[in-house]
Amino acid sequence: MSTLIEDDSTLTDRYQTTVPASIRRALKLKRR
């Protein structure tokens, strides 16, 4: 069963998107 997580993201001056902390935690992503 899948869980749906919704959160807002922002766009930087260089047109890059940011991944919110809650999404990074859910996907177990770490910083580069």
N, C-alpha and C. Protein backbone atom coordinates (compact mmCIF):
# COMPACT_ATOMS: atom_id res chain seq x y z
N MET A 1 0.84 -1.18 0.00
CA MET A 1 0.00 0.00 0.00
C MET A 1 0.89 1.24 0.00
N SER A 2 0.55 2.21 -0.81
CA SER A 2 1.33 3.44 -0.93
C SER A 2 0.76 4.53 -0.04
N THR A 3 1.64 5.41 0.36
CA THR A 3 1.25 6.58 1.15
C THR A 3 1.47 7.82 0.31
N LEU A 4 0.50 8.68 0.28
CA LEU A 4 0.60 9.93 -0.47
C LEU A 4 1.07 11.03 0.48
N ILE A 5 2.15 11.69 0.09
CA ILE A 5 2.68 12.80 0.88
C ILE A 5 2.65 14.04 -0.01
N GLU A 6 2.08 15.11 0.51
CA GLU A 6 2.00 16.36 -0.22
C GLU A 6 2.74 17.44 0.54
N ASP A 7 3.52 18.24 -0.17
CA ASP A 7 4.25 19.34 0.46
C ASP A 7 4.56 20.37 -0.61
N ASP A 8 4.84 21.59 -0.19
CA ASP A 8 5.18 22.65 -1.13
C ASP A 8 6.67 22.68 -1.40
N SER A 9 7.02 23.03 -2.60
CA SER A 9 8.41 23.15 -3.01
C SER A 9 8.62 24.58 -3.51
N THR A 10 9.87 25.03 -3.48
CA THR A 10 10.16 26.38 -3.97
C THR A 10 11.10 26.29 -5.17
N LEU A 11 11.14 27.38 -5.91
CA LEU A 11 12.00 27.48 -7.08
C LEU A 11 13.07 28.53 -6.77
N THR A 12 14.33 28.17 -6.99
CA THR A 12 15.42 29.09 -6.70
C THR A 12 15.61 30.09 -7.83
N ASP A 13 16.49 31.04 -7.62
CA ASP A 13 16.79 32.04 -8.65
C ASP A 13 17.35 31.40 -9.92
N ARG A 14 17.95 30.22 -9.76
CA ARG A 14 18.53 29.51 -10.91
C ARG A 14 17.54 28.50 -11.50
N TYR A 15 16.27 28.63 -11.13
CA TYR A 15 15.20 27.76 -11.63
C TYR A 15 15.42 26.29 -11.24
N GLN A 16 15.97 26.07 -10.07
CA GLN A 16 16.10 24.71 -9.53
C GLN A 16 15.05 24.56 -8.43
N THR A 17 14.50 23.37 -8.33
CA THR A 17 13.49 23.13 -7.30
C THR A 17 14.15 22.59 -6.04
N THR A 18 13.54 22.87 -4.92
CA THR A 18 14.02 22.33 -3.65
C THR A 18 13.10 21.19 -3.23
N VAL A 19 13.67 20.17 -2.62
CA VAL A 19 12.89 19.04 -2.13
C VAL A 19 12.67 19.27 -0.64
N PRO A 20 11.43 19.40 -0.21
CA PRO A 20 11.15 19.65 1.20
C PRO A 20 11.70 18.54 2.11
N ALA A 21 12.03 18.91 3.34
CA ALA A 21 12.63 17.97 4.30
C ALA A 21 11.74 16.75 4.53
N SER A 22 10.43 16.94 4.59
CA SER A 22 9.53 15.81 4.83
C SER A 22 9.60 14.79 3.70
N ILE A 23 9.77 15.27 2.47
CA ILE A 23 9.88 14.37 1.31
C ILE A 23 11.23 13.66 1.33
N ARG A 24 12.30 14.41 1.63
CA ARG A 24 13.63 13.79 1.73
C ARG A 24 13.65 12.68 2.77
N ARG A 25 13.01 12.92 3.92
CA ARG A 25 12.96 11.89 4.97
C ARG A 25 12.17 10.68 4.50
N ALA A 26 11.04 10.90 3.85
CA ALA A 26 10.19 9.79 3.39
C ALA A 26 10.91 8.93 2.35
N LEU A 27 11.71 9.58 1.50
CA LEU A 27 12.44 8.85 0.46
C LEU A 27 13.83 8.42 0.92
N LYS A 28 14.17 8.77 2.15
CA LYS A 28 15.49 8.45 2.74
C LYS A 28 16.63 8.99 1.87
N LEU A 29 16.47 10.24 1.43
CA LEU A 29 17.49 10.90 0.63
C LEU A 29 18.46 11.63 1.55
N LYS A 30 19.71 11.69 1.13
CA LYS A 30 20.72 12.42 1.89
C LYS A 30 21.29 13.52 1.01
N ARG A 31 21.95 14.46 1.63
CA ARG A 31 22.57 15.54 0.86
C ARG A 31 23.77 15.01 0.10
N ARG A 32 24.09 15.68 -1.00
CA ARG A 32 25.22 15.26 -1.82
C ARG A 32 26.52 15.67 -1.21
